[in-house]
Structures are given as C-alpha cells and as structure tokens.
C-alpha cells in the first residue's frame, strides 16, 4: 500500500508538472494529460477499494479476537470456580474425617470403660450372692450399651472409610482438572 501511495504521489507530481508545462506552452498534448488523469483516478479507486477491504478484514479479525478473549476469560473464571469448589470439598472432607476420627476414639474409650465396668460387675456378681439379681440386670444393660457402642463404632469406621475413599476421588478429580 505504501508503494501504491508513493506511486500515486509521483503521478500527481507528474500531472502537476504537465499542467505547469502546459501553462508554459511546453506541453505535448491534452490527451496525454487526460490519460494521466484517468490512470490516476483508476489507481485511486483501486487503492481505496483495497484500503476498504483491508479495513473490513481488520475489523473482522478484531471481532474474532474479542470473542476469543471472552472465551479465554470464561474458561479462566470456570477454572477458578472449580479450584475453589475442590478446595471447599477438600476442606469439608478433612473436617469430616477429623470429626469421625474423634468420634471413633471417643466410642472406643467409652467401650473400654464399659467393658471395665462389666468386668467389675461380673466379679462383684460372683462374690456377692445378695446383689446377684441387681448385678445381672446391670450387666445386661451394660452389655447392651457395649453392643450399641460397638455397632456405633463400626458405623463410624465405615463412614470414615467412605469419606477417605471420597477424598481419594476428589484428589484424583483435582489432579485431572489441573492437567
């Protein structure tokens, strides 16, 4: 385009020179001037058409670039949201795992205490014939509590196992998301 612009400038100067020569009486003929003028007009039209085409192409490219930039921003926002969600799930999982670990520890401690009480009551039952009926009722009650706590401990252990498995899945999902 710069070349065409320069060429047009040169032709304009040549045309101007011809006009000056014509005024000075040195010019060849008017038809040469007209041909030069027509040639310049044709080149000017072609140059304008090319300029319009390049401008239109540039606008299309700018629109395409804006669309791509918006898509990239959308994907970045989505990635950030997913990372935040994974972090939230990881935090929740760790809290749940910690809670169930404490629950299991407390249940095991209660179970030990109840087993000790059952053992003491069984010993008292053997040594005391007067308290045998009352002790057997207490032993039965404590055994039920032991069974209940054992069941509760087993359920908590199962729940912890499920949360640990879920944590592994979240970690795998996070790894896949970060690839």
Foldseek 3Di string as FASTA:
>chain_A
DVVLVVVLVVLVVVLVVLVVCVVVVNHDDVVVSVVSVVVSVVSVVVVVVVVVVVVVVVVVVVVVVVVVVVVVVVVVVVLVVVVVVLVVLLVVLVVLLVVLVVVLVVLVVVLVVLVVVLVVLVVVLVVDVVCVVVSVVVNVVSVVVNVVSVVVSVVSVVVSVVSVVVSVVSVVVVVVSVD
